[in-house]
All heavy atoms as atom14 arrays in JSON, in Angstrom:
{
  "sequence": "IAHGHPDLVADLSGVTFCDSSGLGALVGIWRCAKEADGS",
  "atom14_mask": [
    [1, 1, 1, 1, 1, 1, 1, 1, 0, 0, 0, 0, 0, 0],
    [1, 1, 1, 1, 1, 0, 0, 0, 0, 0, 0, 0, 0, 0],
    [1, 1, 1, 1, 1, 1, 1, 1, 1, 1, 0, 0, 0, 0],
    [1, 1, 1, 1, 0, 0, 0, 0, 0, 0, 0, 0, 0, 0],
    [1, 1, 1, 1, 1, 1, 1, 1, 1, 1, 0, 0, 0, 0],
    [1, 1, 1, 1, 1, 1, 1, 0, 0, 0, 0, 0, 0, 0],
    [1, 1, 1, 1, 1, 1, 1, 1, 0, 0, 0, 0, 0, 0],
    [1, 1, 1, 1, 1, 1, 1, 1, 0, 0, 0, 0, 0, 0],
    [1, 1, 1, 1, 1, 1, 1, 0, 0, 0, 0, 0, 0, 0],
    [1, 1, 1, 1, 1, 0, 0, 0, 0, 0, 0, 0, 0, 0],
    [1, 1, 1, 1, 1, 1, 1, 1, 0, 0, 0, 0, 0, 0],
    [1, 1, 1, 1, 1, 1, 1, 1, 0, 0, 0, 0, 0, 0],
    [1, 1, 1, 1, 1, 1, 0, 0, 0, 0, 0, 0, 0, 0],
    [1, 1, 1, 1, 0, 0, 0, 0, 0, 0, 0, 0, 0, 0],
    [1, 1, 1, 1, 1, 1, 1, 0, 0, 0, 0, 0, 0, 0],
    [1, 1, 1, 1, 1, 1, 1, 0, 0, 0, 0, 0, 0, 0],
    [1, 1, 1, 1, 1, 1, 1, 1, 1, 1, 1, 0, 0, 0],
    [1, 1, 1, 1, 1, 1, 0, 0, 0, 0, 0, 0, 0, 0],
    [1, 1, 1, 1, 1, 1, 1, 1, 0, 0, 0, 0, 0, 0],
    [1, 1, 1, 1, 1, 1, 0, 0, 0, 0, 0, 0, 0, 0],
    [1, 1, 1, 1, 1, 1, 0, 0, 0, 0, 0, 0, 0, 0],
    [1, 1, 1, 1, 0, 0, 0, 0, 0, 0, 0, 0, 0, 0],
    [1, 1, 1, 1, 1, 1, 1, 1, 0, 0, 0, 0, 0, 0],
    [1, 1, 1, 1, 0, 0, 0, 0, 0, 0, 0, 0, 0, 0],
    [1, 1, 1, 1, 1, 0, 0, 0, 0, 0, 0, 0, 0, 0],
    [1, 1, 1, 1, 1, 1, 1, 1, 0, 0, 0, 0, 0, 0],
    [1, 1, 1, 1, 1, 1, 1, 0, 0, 0, 0, 0, 0, 0],
    [1, 1, 1, 1, 0, 0, 0, 0, 0, 0, 0, 0, 0, 0],
    [1, 1, 1, 1, 1, 1, 1, 1, 0, 0, 0, 0, 0, 0],
    [1, 1, 1, 1, 1, 1, 1, 1, 1, 1, 1, 1, 1, 1],
    [1, 1, 1, 1, 1, 1, 1, 1, 1, 1, 1, 0, 0, 0],
    [1, 1, 1, 1, 1, 1, 0, 0, 0, 0, 0, 0, 0, 0],
    [1, 1, 1, 1, 1, 0, 0, 0, 0, 0, 0, 0, 0, 0],
    [1, 1, 1, 1, 1, 1, 1, 1, 1, 0, 0, 0, 0, 0],
    [1, 1, 1, 1, 1, 1, 1, 1, 1, 0, 0, 0, 0, 0],
    [1, 1, 1, 1, 1, 0, 0, 0, 0, 0, 0, 0, 0, 0],
    [1, 1, 1, 1, 1, 1, 1, 1, 0, 0, 0, 0, 0, 0],
    [1, 1, 1, 1, 0, 0, 0, 0, 0, 0, 0, 0, 0, 0],
    [1, 1, 1, 1, 1, 1, 0, 0, 0, 0, 0, 0, 0, 0]
  ],
  "atom14_positions": [
    [[-0.94, -74.13, 28.28], [-2.19, -73.36, 28.19], [-2.98, -73.51, 29.48], [-3.46, -72.51, 30.04], [-3.02, -73.82, 26.97], [-2.31, -73.42, 25.67], [-4.44, -73.24, 27.01], [-2.88, -74.07, 24.42], [0.0, 0.0, 0.0], [0.0, 0.0, 0.0], [0.0, 0.0, 0.0], [0.0, 0.0, 0.0], [0.0, 0.0, 0.0], [0.0, 0.0, 0.0]],
    [[-3.1, -74.72, 29.99], [-3.85, -74.97, 31.23], [-3.23, -74.28, 32.44], [-3.94, -73.94, 33.39], [-3.94, -76.47, 31.48], [0.0, 0.0, 0.0], [0.0, 0.0, 0.0], [0.0, 0.0, 0.0], [0.0, 0.0, 0.0], [0.0, 0.0, 0.0], [0.0, 0.0, 0.0], [0.0, 0.0, 0.0], [0.0, 0.0, 0.0], [0.0, 0.0, 0.0]],
    [[-1.93, -74.06, 32.39], [-1.24, -73.4, 33.5], [-1.11, -71.89, 33.31], [-0.25, -71.25, 33.91], [0.13, -74.04, 33.72], [0.04, -75.36, 34.4], [0.07, -76.55, 33.71], [-0.13, -75.68, 35.71], [-0.06, -77.54, 34.56], [-0.19, -77.05, 35.78], [0.0, 0.0, 0.0], [0.0, 0.0, 0.0], [0.0, 0.0, 0.0], [0.0, 0.0, 0.0]],
    [[-1.98, -71.32, 32.46], [-2.06, -69.87, 32.34], [-1.18, -69.24, 31.29], [-0.94, -68.03, 31.33], [0.0, 0.0, 0.0], [0.0, 0.0, 0.0], [0.0, 0.0, 0.0], [0.0, 0.0, 0.0], [0.0, 0.0, 0.0], [0.0, 0.0, 0.0], [0.0, 0.0, 0.0], [0.0, 0.0, 0.0], [0.0, 0.0, 0.0], [0.0, 0.0, 0.0]],
    [[-0.7, -70.03, 30.32], [0.12, -69.5, 29.23], [-0.55, -69.8, 27.88], [-0.05, -70.61, 27.1], [1.52, -70.12, 29.26], [2.22, -70.0, 30.57], [2.65, -68.8, 31.09], [2.55, -70.94, 31.48], [3.23, -69.01, 32.26], [3.17, -70.3, 32.51], [0.0, 0.0, 0.0], [0.0, 0.0, 0.0], [0.0, 0.0, 0.0], [0.0, 0.0, 0.0]],
    [[-1.69, -69.14, 27.59], [-2.41, -69.45, 26.34], [-1.78, -68.84, 25.09], [-2.18, -69.18, 23.98], [-3.8, -68.88, 26.59], [-3.55, -67.72, 27.51], [-2.42, -68.18, 28.41], [0.0, 0.0, 0.0], [0.0, 0.0, 0.0], [0.0, 0.0, 0.0], [0.0, 0.0, 0.0], [0.0, 0.0, 0.0], [0.0, 0.0, 0.0], [0.0, 0.0, 0.0]],
    [[-0.83, -67.93, 25.27], [-0.14, -67.32, 24.13], [1.19, -68.04, 23.96], [2.11, -67.86, 24.75], [0.08, -65.83, 24.35], [-1.23, -65.07, 24.4], [-2.03, -65.22, 23.45], [-1.47, -64.35, 25.39], [0.0, 0.0, 0.0], [0.0, 0.0, 0.0], [0.0, 0.0, 0.0], [0.0, 0.0, 0.0], [0.0, 0.0, 0.0], [0.0, 0.0, 0.0]],
    [[1.26, -68.87, 22.92], [2.44, -69.7, 22.71], [3.23, -69.26, 21.49], [2.65, -68.91, 20.47], [2.02, -71.16, 22.52], [1.29, -71.82, 23.68], [0.85, -73.23, 23.29], [2.16, -71.86, 24.92], [0.0, 0.0, 0.0], [0.0, 0.0, 0.0], [0.0, 0.0, 0.0], [0.0, 0.0, 0.0], [0.0, 0.0, 0.0], [0.0, 0.0, 0.0]],
    [[4.54, -69.31, 21.63], [5.46, -69.15, 20.51], [6.13, -70.5, 20.34], [6.78, -71.0, 21.26], [6.51, -68.06, 20.77], [7.55, -68.05, 19.65], [5.86, -66.69, 20.92], [0.0, 0.0, 0.0], [0.0, 0.0, 0.0], [0.0, 0.0, 0.0], [0.0, 0.0, 0.0], [0.0, 0.0, 0.0], [0.0, 0.0, 0.0], [0.0, 0.0, 0.0]],
    [[5.96, -71.11, 19.18], [6.61, -72.38, 18.89], [7.9, -72.09, 18.13], [7.86, -71.64, 16.98], [5.7, -73.29, 18.07], [0.0, 0.0, 0.0], [0.0, 0.0, 0.0], [0.0, 0.0, 0.0], [0.0, 0.0, 0.0], [0.0, 0.0, 0.0], [0.0, 0.0, 0.0], [0.0, 0.0, 0.0], [0.0, 0.0, 0.0], [0.0, 0.0, 0.0]],
    [[9.02, -72.31, 18.79], [10.33, -72.12, 18.17], [10.68, -73.41, 17.44], [10.97, -74.43, 18.06], [11.37, -71.79, 19.24], [12.76, -71.57, 18.67], [12.97, -71.8, 17.46], [13.65, -71.17, 19.45], [0.0, 0.0, 0.0], [0.0, 0.0, 0.0], [0.0, 0.0, 0.0], [0.0, 0.0, 0.0], [0.0, 0.0, 0.0], [0.0, 0.0, 0.0]],
    [[10.64, -73.36, 16.12], [10.84, -74.55, 15.3], [12.24, -74.61, 14.68], [12.5, -75.41, 13.78], [9.77, -74.58, 14.2], [8.33, -74.52, 14.71], [7.37, -74.4, 13.54], [8.0, -75.71, 15.57], [0.0, 0.0, 0.0], [0.0, 0.0, 0.0], [0.0, 0.0, 0.0], [0.0, 0.0, 0.0], [0.0, 0.0, 0.0], [0.0, 0.0, 0.0]],
    [[13.15, -73.81, 15.19], [14.49, -73.73, 14.6], [15.23, -75.07, 14.63], [16.06, -75.34, 13.78], [15.33, -72.66, 15.29], [15.48, -72.94, 16.67], [0.0, 0.0, 0.0], [0.0, 0.0, 0.0], [0.0, 0.0, 0.0], [0.0, 0.0, 0.0], [0.0, 0.0, 0.0], [0.0, 0.0, 0.0], [0.0, 0.0, 0.0], [0.0, 0.0, 0.0]],
    [[14.91, -75.92, 15.59], [15.59, -77.2, 15.7], [14.86, -78.35, 15.04], [15.33, -79.5, 15.1], [0.0, 0.0, 0.0], [0.0, 0.0, 0.0], [0.0, 0.0, 0.0], [0.0, 0.0, 0.0], [0.0, 0.0, 0.0], [0.0, 0.0, 0.0], [0.0, 0.0, 0.0], [0.0, 0.0, 0.0], [0.0, 0.0, 0.0], [0.0, 0.0, 0.0]],
    [[13.73, -78.09, 14.39], [12.96, -79.15, 13.75], [13.66, -79.57, 12.45], [13.91, -78.76, 11.58], [11.51, -78.71, 13.47], [10.77, -79.73, 12.63], [10.78, -78.48, 14.8], [0.0, 0.0, 0.0], [0.0, 0.0, 0.0], [0.0, 0.0, 0.0], [0.0, 0.0, 0.0], [0.0, 0.0, 0.0], [0.0, 0.0, 0.0], [0.0, 0.0, 0.0]],
    [[13.98, -80.86, 12.35], [14.68, -81.38, 11.17], [13.73, -82.03, 10.18], [14.08, -82.23, 9.02], [15.74, -82.4, 11.59], [15.12, -83.45, 12.33], [16.83, -81.75, 12.43], [0.0, 0.0, 0.0], [0.0, 0.0, 0.0], [0.0, 0.0, 0.0], [0.0, 0.0, 0.0], [0.0, 0.0, 0.0], [0.0, 0.0, 0.0], [0.0, 0.0, 0.0]],
    [[12.5, -82.36, 10.62], [11.51, -83.01, 9.77], [10.16, -82.8, 10.41], [10.03, -82.8, 11.63], [11.81, -84.51, 9.67], [10.75, -85.29, 8.95], [10.69, -85.29, 7.57], [9.8, -86.03, 9.66], [9.7, -86.02, 6.89], [8.82, -86.75, 9.0], [8.76, -86.75, 7.61], [0.0, 0.0, 0.0], [0.0, 0.0, 0.0], [0.0, 0.0, 0.0]],
    [[9.13, -82.6, 9.58], [7.76, -82.48, 10.09], [6.83, -83.17, 9.11], [6.86, -82.89, 7.91], [7.37, -81.01, 10.25], [5.71, -80.76, 10.91], [0.0, 0.0, 0.0], [0.0, 0.0, 0.0], [0.0, 0.0, 0.0], [0.0, 0.0, 0.0], [0.0, 0.0, 0.0], [0.0, 0.0, 0.0], [0.0, 0.0, 0.0], [0.0, 0.0, 0.0]],
    [[6.02, -84.09, 9.62], [5.04, -84.77, 8.76], [3.64, -84.25, 9.08], [3.47, -83.27, 9.81], [5.15, -86.29, 8.9], [4.69, -86.84, 10.25], [4.18, -86.06, 11.1], [4.84, -88.05, 10.46], [0.0, 0.0, 0.0], [0.0, 0.0, 0.0], [0.0, 0.0, 0.0], [0.0, 0.0, 0.0], [0.0, 0.0, 0.0], [0.0, 0.0, 0.0]],
    [[2.63, -84.89, 8.51], [1.25, -84.43, 8.69], [0.81, -84.49, 10.15], [-0.03, -83.7, 10.57], [0.29, -85.24, 7.81], [0.33, -86.61, 8.16], [0.0, 0.0, 0.0], [0.0, 0.0, 0.0], [0.0, 0.0, 0.0], [0.0, 0.0, 0.0], [0.0, 0.0, 0.0], [0.0, 0.0, 0.0], [0.0, 0.0, 0.0], [0.0, 0.0, 0.0]],
    [[1.39, -85.38, 10.92], [1.05, -85.45, 12.35], [1.54, -84.2, 13.07], [0.86, -83.68, 13.96], [1.66, -86.69, 12.99], [1.15, -87.85, 12.4], [0.0, 0.0, 0.0], [0.0, 0.0, 0.0], [0.0, 0.0, 0.0], [0.0, 0.0, 0.0], [0.0, 0.0, 0.0], [0.0, 0.0, 0.0], [0.0, 0.0, 0.0], [0.0, 0.0, 0.0]],
    [[2.71, -83.73, 12.69], [3.22, -82.48, 13.27], [2.35, -81.3, 12.9], [2.02, -80.46, 13.74], [0.0, 0.0, 0.0], [0.0, 0.0, 0.0], [0.0, 0.0, 0.0], [0.0, 0.0, 0.0], [0.0, 0.0, 0.0], [0.0, 0.0, 0.0], [0.0, 0.0, 0.0], [0.0, 0.0, 0.0], [0.0, 0.0, 0.0], [0.0, 0.0, 0.0]],
    [[1.95, -81.24, 11.62], [1.04, -80.17, 11.19], [-0.29, -80.26, 11.94], [-0.83, -79.24, 12.37], [0.79, -80.25, 9.7], [1.93, -79.83, 8.79], [1.56, -80.06, 7.33], [2.29, -78.38, 9.02], [0.0, 0.0, 0.0], [0.0, 0.0, 0.0], [0.0, 0.0, 0.0], [0.0, 0.0, 0.0], [0.0, 0.0, 0.0], [0.0, 0.0, 0.0]],
    [[-0.8, -81.47, 12.09], [-2.05, -81.66, 12.83], [-1.92, -81.2, 14.27], [-2.85, -80.61, 14.83], [0.0, 0.0, 0.0], [0.0, 0.0, 0.0], [0.0, 0.0, 0.0], [0.0, 0.0, 0.0], [0.0, 0.0, 0.0], [0.0, 0.0, 0.0], [0.0, 0.0, 0.0], [0.0, 0.0, 0.0], [0.0, 0.0, 0.0], [0.0, 0.0, 0.0]],
    [[-0.78, -81.47, 14.87], [-0.56, -81.03, 16.25], [-0.56, -79.51, 16.33], [-1.15, -78.93, 17.26], [0.75, -81.6, 16.78], [0.0, 0.0, 0.0], [0.0, 0.0, 0.0], [0.0, 0.0, 0.0], [0.0, 0.0, 0.0], [0.0, 0.0, 0.0], [0.0, 0.0, 0.0], [0.0, 0.0, 0.0], [0.0, 0.0, 0.0], [0.0, 0.0, 0.0]],
    [[0.07, -78.84, 15.36], [0.07, -77.38, 15.37], [-1.34, -76.82, 15.25], [-1.7, -75.87, 15.95], [0.95, -76.84, 14.23], [2.46, -77.05, 14.39], [3.18, -76.59, 13.13], [2.99, -76.35, 15.62], [0.0, 0.0, 0.0], [0.0, 0.0, 0.0], [0.0, 0.0, 0.0], [0.0, 0.0, 0.0], [0.0, 0.0, 0.0], [0.0, 0.0, 0.0]],
    [[-2.15, -77.41, 14.39], [-3.54, -76.95, 14.25], [-4.3, -77.17, 15.56], [-5.04, -76.29, 16.02], [-4.25, -77.66, 13.07], [-5.74, -77.37, 13.07], [-3.64, -77.24, 11.75], [0.0, 0.0, 0.0], [0.0, 0.0, 0.0], [0.0, 0.0, 0.0], [0.0, 0.0, 0.0], [0.0, 0.0, 0.0], [0.0, 0.0, 0.0], [0.0, 0.0, 0.0]],
    [[-4.12, -78.34, 16.16], [-4.79, -78.62, 17.44], [-4.37, -77.66, 18.54], [-5.2, -77.19, 19.32], [0.0, 0.0, 0.0], [0.0, 0.0, 0.0], [0.0, 0.0, 0.0], [0.0, 0.0, 0.0], [0.0, 0.0, 0.0], [0.0, 0.0, 0.0], [0.0, 0.0, 0.0], [0.0, 0.0, 0.0], [0.0, 0.0, 0.0], [0.0, 0.0, 0.0]],
    [[-3.09, -77.35, 18.6], [-2.57, -76.41, 19.6], [-3.15, -75.02, 19.33], [-3.59, -74.34, 20.27], [-1.03, -76.38, 19.57], [-0.48, -77.72, 20.06], [-0.49, -75.22, 20.4], [0.99, -77.95, 19.74], [0.0, 0.0, 0.0], [0.0, 0.0, 0.0], [0.0, 0.0, 0.0], [0.0, 0.0, 0.0], [0.0, 0.0, 0.0], [0.0, 0.0, 0.0]],
    [[-3.19, -74.61, 18.07], [-3.76, -73.31, 17.71], [-5.21, -73.21, 18.15], [-5.63, -72.21, 18.74], [-3.62, -73.1, 16.19], [-4.33, -71.89, 15.67], [-3.94, -70.59, 15.78], [-5.57, -71.88, 14.96], [-4.85, -69.77, 15.16], [-5.86, -70.54, 14.66], [-6.44, -72.87, 14.53], [-7.0, -70.17, 13.96], [-7.58, -72.5, 13.83], [-7.85, -71.16, 13.56]],
    [[-5.99, -74.27, 17.89], [-7.42, -74.27, 18.27], [-7.58, -74.18, 19.79], [-8.41, -73.42, 20.29], [-8.11, -75.53, 17.76], [-8.37, -75.49, 16.29], [-9.15, -76.7, 15.83], [-9.38, -76.63, 14.39], [-9.47, -77.67, 13.62], [-9.36, -78.89, 14.11], [-9.68, -77.52, 12.33], [0.0, 0.0, 0.0], [0.0, 0.0, 0.0], [0.0, 0.0, 0.0]],
    [[-6.79, -74.94, 20.53], [-6.88, -74.91, 21.99], [-6.45, -73.55, 22.54], [-7.06, -73.04, 23.48], [-6.04, -76.02, 22.61], [-6.72, -77.66, 22.3], [0.0, 0.0, 0.0], [0.0, 0.0, 0.0], [0.0, 0.0, 0.0], [0.0, 0.0, 0.0], [0.0, 0.0, 0.0], [0.0, 0.0, 0.0], [0.0, 0.0, 0.0], [0.0, 0.0, 0.0]],
    [[-5.42, -72.97, 21.95], [-4.98, -71.64, 22.38], [-6.09, -70.62, 22.13], [-6.39, -69.78, 22.99], [-3.7, -71.24, 21.65], [0.0, 0.0, 0.0], [0.0, 0.0, 0.0], [0.0, 0.0, 0.0], [0.0, 0.0, 0.0], [0.0, 0.0, 0.0], [0.0, 0.0, 0.0], [0.0, 0.0, 0.0], [0.0, 0.0, 0.0], [0.0, 0.0, 0.0]],
    [[-6.72, -70.68, 20.94], [-7.82, -69.76, 20.63], [-8.97, -69.91, 21.61], [-9.56, -68.92, 22.06], [-8.32, -69.98, 19.2], [-7.48, -69.28, 18.16], [-8.17, -69.28, 16.82], [-9.39, -68.43, 16.94], [-9.81, -67.72, 15.78], [0.0, 0.0, 0.0], [0.0, 0.0, 0.0], [0.0, 0.0, 0.0], [0.0, 0.0, 0.0], [0.0, 0.0, 0.0]],
    [[-9.31, -71.16, 21.95], [-10.4, -71.41, 22.91], [-10.09, -70.82, 24.27], [-11.0, -70.48, 25.03], [-10.67, -72.91, 23.02], [-11.34, -73.5, 21.8], [-11.46, -75.01, 21.85], [-11.15, -75.62, 22.89], [-11.86, -75.58, 20.82], [0.0, 0.0, 0.0], [0.0, 0.0, 0.0], [0.0, 0.0, 0.0], [0.0, 0.0, 0.0], [0.0, 0.0, 0.0]],
    [[-8.81, -70.68, 24.59], [-8.39, -70.11, 25.87], [-8.07, -68.61, 25.72], [-7.39, -68.03, 26.57], [-7.16, -70.86, 26.39], [0.0, 0.0, 0.0], [0.0, 0.0, 0.0], [0.0, 0.0, 0.0], [0.0, 0.0, 0.0], [0.0, 0.0, 0.0], [0.0, 0.0, 0.0], [0.0, 0.0, 0.0], [0.0, 0.0, 0.0], [0.0, 0.0, 0.0]],
    [[-8.58, -67.99, 24.64], [-8.31, -66.59, 24.32], [-6.83, -66.3, 24.15], [-6.35, -65.23, 24.51], [-8.93, -65.65, 25.38], [-10.44, -65.69, 25.38], [-11.01, -65.79, 24.27], [-11.04, -65.65, 26.46], [0.0, 0.0, 0.0], [0.0, 0.0, 0.0], [0.0, 0.0, 0.0], [0.0, 0.0, 0.0], [0.0, 0.0, 0.0], [0.0, 0.0, 0.0]],
    [[-6.12, -67.27, 23.6], [-4.7, -67.12, 23.37], [-4.37, -67.18, 21.89], [-5.23, -66.94, 21.03], [0.0, 0.0, 0.0], [0.0, 0.0, 0.0], [0.0, 0.0, 0.0], [0.0, 0.0, 0.0], [0.0, 0.0, 0.0], [0.0, 0.0, 0.0], [0.0, 0.0, 0.0], [0.0, 0.0, 0.0], [0.0, 0.0, 0.0], [0.0, 0.0, 0.0]],
    [[-3.12, -67.51, 21.6], [-2.65, -67.53, 20.22], [-1.48, -68.5, 20.07], [-0.87, -68.9, 21.06], [-2.19, -66.12, 19.82], [-1.11, -65.71, 20.65], [0.0, 0.0, 0.0], [0.0, 0.0, 0.0], [0.0, 0.0, 0.0], [0.0, 0.0, 0.0], [0.0, 0.0, 0.0], [0.0, 0.0, 0.0], [0.0, 0.0, 0.0], [0.0, 0.0, 0.0]]
  ]
}
């Protein structure tokens, strides 16, 4: 995001497990992307 890529696609095809920390990270990334006029 800081390097000019505020629109992110998270490819999760290789994720074998996700806990609440992973979900929290996704929410945090979403908020930061929105603040940078991204997604």
